[in-house]
């Protein structure tokens, strides 16, 4: 969910079964989870634009449906990932150490999602909308990853001149 949807860890940990619409293939992001002084707190998302509905890839819909079926007695408003950010960090640390690679932060999965979408050719505006950036300027922090259109422009200008 973190990588394939580009959601924040607090958004992931606040998800409930009722946030999923498997007919439409979407997940609704409308809250965030934090553990403060040992207490589980559900708050509004980080920004207004963080309230959003994300269309999931079909394979992820299937995986999430299977996951939800495995949770015995799950109430529709109950958190589906009853873990903490610290637990996820520890698991990334453990897994990285086991395979001998440098550990990444959980939030880096979100950055990887954005980088993938840029590489796939999606616009900054579309990406900002998907990941809930309050301003497109935040997405433009990834500007160095957006492919340069200079070669394509020159090719089309050559074609235009030769076509006249």
N, C-alpha and C. Protein backbone atom coordinates (compact mmCIF):
# COMPACT_ATOMS: atom_id res chain seq x y z
N UNK A 1 0.83 -1.19 0.00
CA UNK A 1 0.00 0.00 0.00
C UNK A 1 0.87 1.25 0.00
N UNK A 2 1.94 1.23 0.80
CA UNK A 2 2.81 2.41 0.86
C UNK A 2 3.45 2.70 -0.50
N UNK A 3 4.00 1.67 -1.12
CA UNK A 3 4.68 1.86 -2.40
C UNK A 3 3.70 2.03 -3.55
N UNK A 4 2.71 1.18 -3.67
CA UNK A 4 1.84 1.18 -4.83
C UNK A 4 0.80 2.30 -4.83
N UNK A 5 0.55 2.91 -3.68
CA UNK A 5 -0.40 4.02 -3.62
C UNK A 5 0.26 5.34 -3.21
N UNK A 6 1.48 5.28 -2.72
CA UNK A 6 2.20 6.49 -2.34
C UNK A 6 1.63 7.18 -1.12
N UNK A 7 0.97 6.42 -0.25
CA UNK A 7 0.38 7.04 0.94
C UNK A 7 1.41 7.18 2.05
N UNK A 8 1.11 8.07 2.98
CA UNK A 8 1.96 8.28 4.14
C UNK A 8 1.73 7.15 5.14
N UNK A 9 2.71 6.89 5.98
CA UNK A 9 2.61 5.78 6.93
C UNK A 9 1.44 5.99 7.89
N UNK A 10 1.21 7.21 8.34
CA UNK A 10 0.08 7.49 9.23
C UNK A 10 -1.26 7.22 8.56
N UNK A 11 -1.33 7.50 7.25
CA UNK A 11 -2.54 7.22 6.48
C UNK A 11 -2.76 5.71 6.37
N UNK A 12 -1.69 4.97 6.14
CA UNK A 12 -1.78 3.51 6.08
C UNK A 12 -2.29 2.94 7.39
N UNK A 13 -1.69 3.37 8.48
CA UNK A 13 -2.01 2.79 9.79
C UNK A 13 -3.40 3.18 10.29
N UNK A 14 -4.03 4.17 9.66
CA UNK A 14 -5.39 4.57 10.04
C UNK A 14 -6.45 3.88 9.19
N UNK A 15 -6.06 3.14 8.16
CA UNK A 15 -7.04 2.52 7.26
C UNK A 15 -7.95 1.53 7.97
N UNK A 16 -9.22 1.56 7.56
CA UNK A 16 -10.22 0.61 8.04
C UNK A 16 -10.82 -0.09 6.83
N UNK A 17 -11.53 -1.17 7.06
CA UNK A 17 -12.15 -1.91 5.96
C UNK A 17 -13.12 -1.04 5.18
N UNK A 18 -13.80 -0.13 5.86
CA UNK A 18 -14.78 0.71 5.15
C UNK A 18 -14.12 1.76 4.25
N UNK A 19 -12.82 1.90 4.32
CA UNK A 19 -12.13 2.84 3.44
C UNK A 19 -11.94 2.27 2.03
N UNK A 20 -12.17 0.97 1.86
CA UNK A 20 -11.97 0.32 0.57
C UNK A 20 -13.28 0.17 -0.18
N UNK A 21 -13.24 0.45 -1.48
CA UNK A 21 -14.37 0.18 -2.36
C UNK A 21 -13.80 -0.74 -3.45
N UNK A 22 -13.99 -2.04 -3.28
CA UNK A 22 -13.39 -2.99 -4.21
C UNK A 22 -14.13 -3.06 -5.53
N UNK A 23 -15.36 -2.57 -5.59
CA UNK A 23 -16.09 -2.50 -6.86
C UNK A 23 -15.44 -1.43 -7.75
N UNK A 24 -15.15 -0.28 -7.14
CA UNK A 24 -14.50 0.81 -7.88
C UNK A 24 -12.98 0.68 -7.90
N UNK A 25 -12.45 -0.15 -7.02
CA UNK A 25 -10.99 -0.34 -6.95
C UNK A 25 -10.29 0.83 -6.31
N UNK A 26 -10.92 1.41 -5.28
CA UNK A 26 -10.37 2.60 -4.65
C UNK A 26 -10.16 2.42 -3.15
N UNK A 27 -9.32 3.29 -2.62
CA UNK A 27 -9.15 3.41 -1.17
C UNK A 27 -9.29 4.89 -0.82
N UNK A 28 -10.06 5.17 0.22
CA UNK A 28 -10.30 6.55 0.66
C UNK A 28 -9.32 6.88 1.78
N UNK A 29 -8.62 7.99 1.61
CA UNK A 29 -7.70 8.48 2.65
C UNK A 29 -8.38 9.68 3.31
N UNK A 30 -8.74 9.53 4.57
CA UNK A 30 -9.44 10.62 5.26
C UNK A 30 -9.06 10.75 6.73
N UNK A 31 -7.99 10.06 7.13
CA UNK A 31 -7.54 10.13 8.52
C UNK A 31 -6.09 9.69 8.61
N UNK A 32 -5.50 9.93 9.77
CA UNK A 32 -4.11 9.55 9.98
C UNK A 32 -3.95 9.03 11.40
N UNK A 33 -3.03 8.09 11.57
CA UNK A 33 -2.78 7.46 12.86
C UNK A 33 -1.44 7.94 13.41
N UNK A 34 -1.43 8.18 14.71
CA UNK A 34 -0.19 8.51 15.41
C UNK A 34 -0.24 7.85 16.78
N UNK A 35 0.92 7.50 17.30
CA UNK A 35 1.00 7.06 18.68
C UNK A 35 1.71 8.16 19.44
N UNK A 36 0.98 8.79 20.37
CA UNK A 36 1.53 9.90 21.14
C UNK A 36 1.46 9.53 22.62
N UNK A 37 2.64 9.52 23.25
CA UNK A 37 2.77 9.17 24.67
C UNK A 37 2.06 7.85 24.98
N UNK A 38 2.25 6.85 24.09
CA UNK A 38 1.70 5.52 24.31
C UNK A 38 0.22 5.38 23.98
N UNK A 39 -0.40 6.44 23.47
CA UNK A 39 -1.83 6.36 23.13
C UNK A 39 -2.01 6.44 21.62
N UNK A 40 -2.92 5.60 21.11
CA UNK A 40 -3.23 5.62 19.69
C UNK A 40 -4.19 6.76 19.41
N UNK A 41 -3.81 7.63 18.47
CA UNK A 41 -4.60 8.81 18.14
C UNK A 41 -4.92 8.78 16.64
N UNK A 42 -6.19 8.98 16.30
CA UNK A 42 -6.61 9.14 14.91
C UNK A 42 -6.96 10.60 14.72
N UNK A 43 -6.32 11.21 13.72
CA UNK A 43 -6.53 12.63 13.44
C UNK A 43 -6.91 12.81 11.98
N UNK A 44 -7.18 14.05 11.62
CA UNK A 44 -7.37 14.38 10.21
C UNK A 44 -6.04 14.21 9.51
N UNK A 45 -6.08 14.01 8.18
CA UNK A 45 -4.81 13.90 7.45
C UNK A 45 -3.99 15.19 7.54
N UNK A 46 -2.78 15.12 7.04
CA UNK A 46 -1.80 16.20 7.15
C UNK A 46 -2.32 17.53 6.60
N UNK A 47 -2.96 17.51 5.43
CA UNK A 47 -3.46 18.73 4.80
C UNK A 47 -4.86 18.48 4.24
N UNK A 48 -5.54 19.54 3.78
CA UNK A 48 -6.85 19.38 3.16
C UNK A 48 -6.78 18.48 1.94
N UNK A 49 -5.75 18.66 1.11
CA UNK A 49 -5.62 17.86 -0.11
C UNK A 49 -5.24 16.41 0.19
N UNK A 50 -4.85 16.15 1.43
CA UNK A 50 -4.55 14.76 1.82
C UNK A 50 -5.82 13.92 1.88
N UNK A 51 -6.98 14.57 2.02
CA UNK A 51 -8.26 13.87 1.93
C UNK A 51 -8.49 13.56 0.46
N UNK A 52 -8.42 12.28 0.09
CA UNK A 52 -8.50 11.93 -1.32
C UNK A 52 -8.91 10.47 -1.47
N UNK A 53 -9.27 10.13 -2.69
CA UNK A 53 -9.57 8.74 -3.04
C UNK A 53 -8.58 8.32 -4.10
N UNK A 54 -7.92 7.21 -3.85
CA UNK A 54 -6.86 6.71 -4.73
C UNK A 54 -7.35 5.44 -5.43
N UNK A 55 -7.19 5.40 -6.73
CA UNK A 55 -7.48 4.17 -7.47
C UNK A 55 -6.28 3.25 -7.36
N UNK A 56 -6.56 2.03 -6.91
CA UNK A 56 -5.48 1.05 -6.70
C UNK A 56 -5.30 0.20 -7.95
N UNK A 57 -4.08 -0.30 -8.18
CA UNK A 57 -3.90 -1.30 -9.23
C UNK A 57 -4.73 -2.54 -8.88
N UNK A 58 -5.23 -3.24 -9.89
CA UNK A 58 -6.12 -4.38 -9.64
C UNK A 58 -5.47 -5.46 -8.77
N UNK A 59 -4.17 -5.71 -8.97
CA UNK A 59 -3.52 -6.75 -8.15
C UNK A 59 -3.53 -6.37 -6.67
N UNK A 60 -3.43 -5.07 -6.38
CA UNK A 60 -3.43 -4.63 -4.99
C UNK A 60 -4.84 -4.76 -4.39
N UNK A 61 -5.86 -4.49 -5.19
CA UNK A 61 -7.25 -4.70 -4.73
C UNK A 61 -7.43 -6.15 -4.30
N UNK A 62 -6.96 -7.05 -5.14
CA UNK A 62 -7.09 -8.47 -4.83
C UNK A 62 -6.34 -8.84 -3.56
N UNK A 63 -5.12 -8.33 -3.43
CA UNK A 63 -4.32 -8.63 -2.24
C UNK A 63 -4.97 -8.07 -0.98
N UNK A 64 -5.52 -6.87 -1.07
CA UNK A 64 -6.16 -6.27 0.11
C UNK A 64 -7.44 -7.02 0.47
N UNK A 65 -8.19 -7.47 -0.52
CA UNK A 65 -9.38 -8.27 -0.23
C UNK A 65 -9.00 -9.55 0.49
N UNK A 66 -7.95 -10.21 0.02
CA UNK A 66 -7.48 -11.44 0.67
C UNK A 66 -7.00 -11.15 2.09
N UNK A 67 -6.28 -10.05 2.26
CA UNK A 67 -5.77 -9.68 3.59
C UNK A 67 -6.94 -9.45 4.55
N UNK A 68 -7.94 -8.71 4.11
CA UNK A 68 -9.07 -8.40 4.98
C UNK A 68 -9.85 -9.67 5.36
N UNK A 69 -9.92 -10.63 4.45
CA UNK A 69 -10.60 -11.90 4.75
C UNK A 69 -9.88 -12.68 5.85
N UNK A 70 -8.58 -12.46 5.98
CA UNK A 70 -7.79 -13.20 6.96
C UNK A 70 -7.92 -12.63 8.38
N UNK A 71 -8.48 -11.44 8.52
CA UNK A 71 -8.60 -10.83 9.85
C UNK A 71 -9.93 -11.24 10.46
N UNK A 72 -9.85 -12.12 11.42
CA UNK A 72 -11.05 -12.66 12.06
C UNK A 72 -11.76 -11.59 12.88
N UNK A 73 -13.08 -11.47 12.69
CA UNK A 73 -13.91 -10.58 13.50
C UNK A 73 -13.66 -9.10 13.30
N UNK A 74 -13.12 -8.73 12.17
CA UNK A 74 -12.80 -7.33 11.91
C UNK A 74 -14.07 -6.49 11.76
N UNK A 75 -14.17 -5.45 12.54
CA UNK A 75 -15.26 -4.48 12.40
C UNK A 75 -14.90 -3.51 11.28
N UNK A 76 -15.88 -3.00 10.56
CA UNK A 76 -15.62 -2.16 9.39
C UNK A 76 -14.92 -0.85 9.74
N UNK A 77 -15.04 -0.40 10.99
CA UNK A 77 -14.41 0.86 11.41
C UNK A 77 -13.12 0.64 12.21
N UNK A 78 -12.70 -0.61 12.30
CA UNK A 78 -11.51 -0.96 13.07
C UNK A 78 -10.26 -0.86 12.19
N UNK A 79 -9.16 -0.36 12.76
CA UNK A 79 -7.90 -0.29 12.02
C UNK A 79 -7.50 -1.68 11.54
N UNK A 80 -7.05 -1.76 10.29
CA UNK A 80 -6.68 -3.07 9.75
C UNK A 80 -5.20 -3.40 9.95
N UNK A 81 -4.39 -2.38 10.17
CA UNK A 81 -2.97 -2.60 10.45
C UNK A 81 -2.71 -2.15 11.89
N UNK A 82 -2.77 -3.08 12.82
CA UNK A 82 -2.65 -2.74 14.23
C UNK A 82 -1.19 -2.81 14.67
N UNK A 83 -0.38 -2.05 13.97
CA UNK A 83 1.04 -1.96 14.25
C UNK A 83 1.40 -0.49 14.34
N UNK A 84 2.65 -0.20 14.65
CA UNK A 84 3.09 1.18 14.77
C UNK A 84 4.15 1.50 13.71
N UNK A 85 4.43 2.77 13.55
CA UNK A 85 5.48 3.21 12.64
C UNK A 85 6.82 2.63 13.10
N UNK A 86 7.04 2.58 14.39
CA UNK A 86 8.28 2.02 14.93
C UNK A 86 8.42 0.55 14.54
N UNK A 87 7.33 -0.20 14.62
CA UNK A 87 7.37 -1.60 14.22
C UNK A 87 7.76 -1.72 12.75
N UNK A 88 7.16 -0.92 11.88
CA UNK A 88 7.50 -0.95 10.45
C UNK A 88 8.97 -0.60 10.24
N UNK A 89 9.45 0.42 10.94
CA UNK A 89 10.87 0.80 10.82
C UNK A 89 11.78 -0.35 11.22
N UNK A 90 11.43 -1.01 12.32
CA UNK A 90 12.23 -2.15 12.78
C UNK A 90 12.23 -3.28 11.77
N UNK A 91 11.08 -3.52 11.13
CA UNK A 91 10.99 -4.59 10.13
C UNK A 91 11.81 -4.25 8.88
N UNK A 92 11.79 -2.99 8.47
CA UNK A 92 12.62 -2.59 7.33
C UNK A 92 14.09 -2.75 7.69
N UNK A 93 14.45 -2.37 8.89
CA UNK A 93 15.83 -2.52 9.37
C UNK A 93 16.23 -4.00 9.36
N UNK A 94 15.38 -4.85 9.90
CA UNK A 94 15.66 -6.28 9.98
C UNK A 94 15.80 -6.88 8.58
N UNK A 95 14.85 -6.57 7.70
CA UNK A 95 14.88 -7.11 6.34
C UNK A 95 16.09 -6.62 5.56
N UNK A 96 16.43 -5.35 5.71
CA UNK A 96 17.59 -4.79 5.01
C UNK A 96 18.87 -5.47 5.47
N UNK A 97 18.99 -5.66 6.77
CA UNK A 97 20.17 -6.31 7.32
C UNK A 97 20.27 -7.76 6.83
N UNK A 98 19.12 -8.44 6.76
CA UNK A 98 19.10 -9.84 6.34
C UNK A 98 19.57 -10.04 4.90
N UNK A 99 19.29 -9.06 4.04
CA UNK A 99 19.69 -9.20 2.63
C UNK A 99 20.92 -8.37 2.28
N UNK A 100 21.45 -7.66 3.27
CA UNK A 100 22.70 -6.92 3.08
C UNK A 100 22.59 -5.66 2.26
N UNK A 101 21.47 -4.97 2.37
CA UNK A 101 21.33 -3.68 1.67
C UNK A 101 21.16 -2.55 2.68
N UNK A 102 21.38 -1.34 2.21
CA UNK A 102 21.22 -0.17 3.08
C UNK A 102 19.75 0.03 3.42
N UNK A 103 19.47 0.31 4.67
CA UNK A 103 18.09 0.53 5.12
C UNK A 103 17.55 1.82 4.53
N UNK A 104 16.26 1.80 4.16
CA UNK A 104 15.58 3.02 3.75
C UNK A 104 14.55 3.39 4.81
N UNK A 105 14.15 4.63 4.79
CA UNK A 105 13.08 5.05 5.70
C UNK A 105 11.74 4.63 5.11
N UNK A 106 10.74 4.45 5.95
CA UNK A 106 9.41 4.09 5.47
C UNK A 106 8.92 5.13 4.47
N UNK A 107 9.15 6.39 4.76
CA UNK A 107 8.68 7.48 3.89
C UNK A 107 9.33 7.41 2.51
N UNK A 108 10.48 6.76 2.40
CA UNK A 108 11.15 6.64 1.10
C UNK A 108 10.33 5.80 0.12
N UNK A 109 9.43 4.96 0.63
CA UNK A 109 8.54 4.21 -0.26
C UNK A 109 7.60 5.16 -0.99
N UNK A 110 7.18 6.22 -0.31
CA UNK A 110 6.34 7.25 -0.93
C UNK A 110 7.13 7.98 -2.01
N UNK A 111 8.38 8.33 -1.70
CA UNK A 111 9.23 8.98 -2.71
C UNK A 111 9.43 8.06 -3.92
N UNK A 112 9.61 6.78 -3.66
CA UNK A 112 9.79 5.83 -4.75
C UNK A 112 8.55 5.75 -5.63
N UNK A 113 7.38 5.82 -5.02
CA UNK A 113 6.12 5.81 -5.78
C UNK A 113 6.06 7.03 -6.70
N UNK A 114 6.38 8.19 -6.16
CA UNK A 114 6.35 9.43 -6.94
C UNK A 114 7.36 9.35 -8.08
N UNK A 115 8.56 8.87 -7.79
CA UNK A 115 9.59 8.72 -8.82
C UNK A 115 9.13 7.77 -9.92
N UNK A 116 8.48 6.68 -9.55
CA UNK A 116 7.96 5.73 -10.53
C UNK A 116 6.93 6.39 -11.43
N UNK A 117 6.01 7.16 -10.85
CA UNK A 117 4.97 7.82 -11.65
C UNK A 117 5.59 8.84 -12.61
N UNK A 118 6.62 9.54 -12.16
CA UNK A 118 7.32 10.48 -13.05
C UNK A 118 7.93 9.71 -14.20
N UNK A 119 8.60 8.60 -13.89
CA UNK A 119 9.24 7.79 -14.91
C UNK A 119 8.22 7.22 -15.90
N UNK A 120 7.01 6.99 -15.44
CA UNK A 120 5.95 6.46 -16.29
C UNK A 120 5.32 7.55 -17.16
N UNK A 121 5.72 8.82 -16.93
CA UNK A 121 5.25 9.90 -17.79
C UNK A 121 4.05 10.68 -17.29
N UNK A 122 3.65 10.50 -16.04
CA UNK A 122 2.51 11.24 -15.51
C UNK A 122 2.90 12.67 -15.17
N UNK A 123 1.95 13.59 -15.28
CA UNK A 123 2.22 15.01 -15.02
C UNK A 123 2.35 15.28 -13.53
N UNK A 124 3.02 16.37 -13.23
CA UNK A 124 3.18 16.78 -11.83
C UNK A 124 1.83 17.01 -11.17
N UNK A 125 0.89 17.57 -11.93
CA UNK A 125 -0.44 17.85 -11.38
C UNK A 125 -1.17 16.55 -11.02
N UNK A 126 -1.12 15.56 -11.90
CA UNK A 126 -1.77 14.27 -11.64
C UNK A 126 -1.13 13.58 -10.43
N UNK A 127 0.18 13.65 -10.35
CA UNK A 127 0.89 13.02 -9.23
C UNK A 127 0.55 13.72 -7.92
N UNK A 128 0.54 15.05 -7.93
CA UNK A 128 0.22 15.82 -6.72
C UNK A 128 -1.17 15.45 -6.22
N UNK A 129 -2.11 15.29 -7.14
CA UNK A 129 -3.47 14.92 -6.78
C UNK A 129 -3.51 13.53 -6.14
N UNK A 130 -2.78 12.59 -6.70
CA UNK A 130 -2.78 11.21 -6.20
C UNK A 130 -2.17 11.12 -4.80
N UNK A 131 -1.06 11.80 -4.58
CA UNK A 131 -0.35 11.65 -3.30
C UNK A 131 -0.77 12.68 -2.25
N UNK A 132 -1.64 13.61 -2.63
CA UNK A 132 -2.18 14.55 -1.65
C UNK A 132 -1.26 15.71 -1.31
N UNK A 133 -0.41 16.11 -2.26
CA UNK A 133 0.42 17.29 -2.02
C UNK A 133 -0.48 18.53 -2.00
N UNK A 134 -0.29 19.36 -1.02
CA UNK A 134 -1.10 20.57 -0.87
C UNK A 134 -0.85 21.53 -2.03
N UNK A 135 0.37 21.53 -2.53
CA UNK A 135 0.74 22.44 -3.61
C UNK A 135 1.55 21.66 -4.64
N UNK A 136 1.38 22.01 -5.91
CA UNK A 136 2.14 21.34 -6.97
C UNK A 136 3.64 21.63 -6.82
N UNK A 137 3.98 22.73 -6.13
CA UNK A 137 5.39 23.06 -5.91
C UNK A 137 6.09 21.95 -5.14
N UNK A 138 5.35 21.29 -4.27
CA UNK A 138 5.95 20.16 -3.53
C UNK A 138 6.34 19.06 -4.50
N UNK A 139 5.47 18.79 -5.46
CA UNK A 139 5.77 17.77 -6.47
C UNK A 139 6.94 18.20 -7.33
N UNK A 140 7.05 19.49 -7.59
CA UNK A 140 8.15 19.99 -8.43
C UNK A 140 9.51 19.86 -7.74
N UNK A 141 9.53 19.49 -6.47
CA UNK A 141 10.81 19.17 -5.82
C UNK A 141 11.47 17.97 -6.48
N UNK A 142 10.66 17.23 -7.23
CA UNK A 142 11.16 16.08 -7.98
C UNK A 142 11.48 16.47 -9.43
N UNK A 143 11.59 17.76 -9.71
CA UNK A 143 11.74 18.26 -11.08
C UNK A 143 12.91 17.61 -11.81
N UNK A 144 13.98 17.32 -11.09
CA UNK A 144 15.14 16.72 -11.73
C UNK A 144 14.83 15.34 -12.32
N UNK A 145 13.73 14.73 -11.89
CA UNK A 145 13.36 13.41 -12.39
C UNK A 145 12.45 13.47 -13.62
N UNK A 146 11.80 14.62 -13.81
CA UNK A 146 10.93 14.74 -14.98
C UNK A 146 11.79 14.77 -16.23
N UNK A 147 11.43 13.96 -17.23
CA UNK A 147 12.26 13.91 -18.44
C UNK A 147 12.22 15.24 -19.19
N UNK A 148 13.33 15.57 -19.77
CA UNK A 148 13.41 16.79 -20.56
C UNK A 148 12.71 16.56 -21.89
N UNK A 149 11.93 17.52 -22.30
CA UNK A 149 11.21 17.42 -23.57
C UNK A 149 12.00 18.05 -24.71
N UNK A 150 13.23 18.49 -24.43
CA UNK A 150 14.00 19.21 -25.44
C UNK A 150 14.23 18.39 -26.71
N UNK A 151 14.60 17.13 -26.58
CA UNK A 151 14.85 16.29 -27.75
C UNK A 151 13.59 16.12 -28.59
N UNK A 152 12.48 15.86 -27.91
CA UNK A 152 11.21 15.69 -28.62
C UNK A 152 10.79 16.99 -29.31
N UNK A 153 11.01 18.13 -28.65
CA UNK A 153 10.68 19.43 -29.25
C UNK A 153 11.50 19.64 -30.53
N UNK A 154 12.80 19.38 -30.46
CA UNK A 154 13.67 19.59 -31.62
C UNK A 154 13.25 18.66 -32.76
N UNK A 155 12.90 17.40 -32.43
CA UNK A 155 12.47 16.46 -33.45
C UNK A 155 11.20 16.96 -34.16
N UNK A 156 10.25 17.45 -33.39
CA UNK A 156 9.00 17.95 -33.98
C UNK A 156 9.22 19.22 -34.78
N UNK A 157 10.13 20.09 -34.31
CA UNK A 157 10.44 21.30 -35.07
C UNK A 157 11.09 20.95 -36.40
N UNK A 158 11.99 19.95 -36.40
CA UNK A 158 12.59 19.49 -37.65
C UNK A 158 11.51 18.98 -38.60
N UNK A 159 10.60 18.19 -38.07
CA UNK A 159 9.52 17.65 -38.88
C UNK A 159 8.66 18.79 -39.46
N UNK A 160 8.37 19.78 -38.62
CA UNK A 160 7.56 20.93 -39.04
C UNK A 160 8.23 21.68 -40.18
N UNK A 161 9.52 21.91 -40.05
CA UNK A 161 10.26 22.65 -41.10
C UNK A 161 10.31 21.85 -42.39
N UNK A 162 10.55 20.56 -42.27
CA UNK A 162 10.66 19.71 -43.46
C UNK A 162 9.32 19.48 -44.14
N UNK A 163 8.25 19.65 -43.38
CA UNK A 163 6.90 19.41 -43.88
C UNK A 163 6.38 20.60 -44.69
N UNK A 164 7.01 21.78 -44.50
CA UNK A 164 6.53 23.01 -45.16
C UNK A 164 6.83 23.03 -46.62
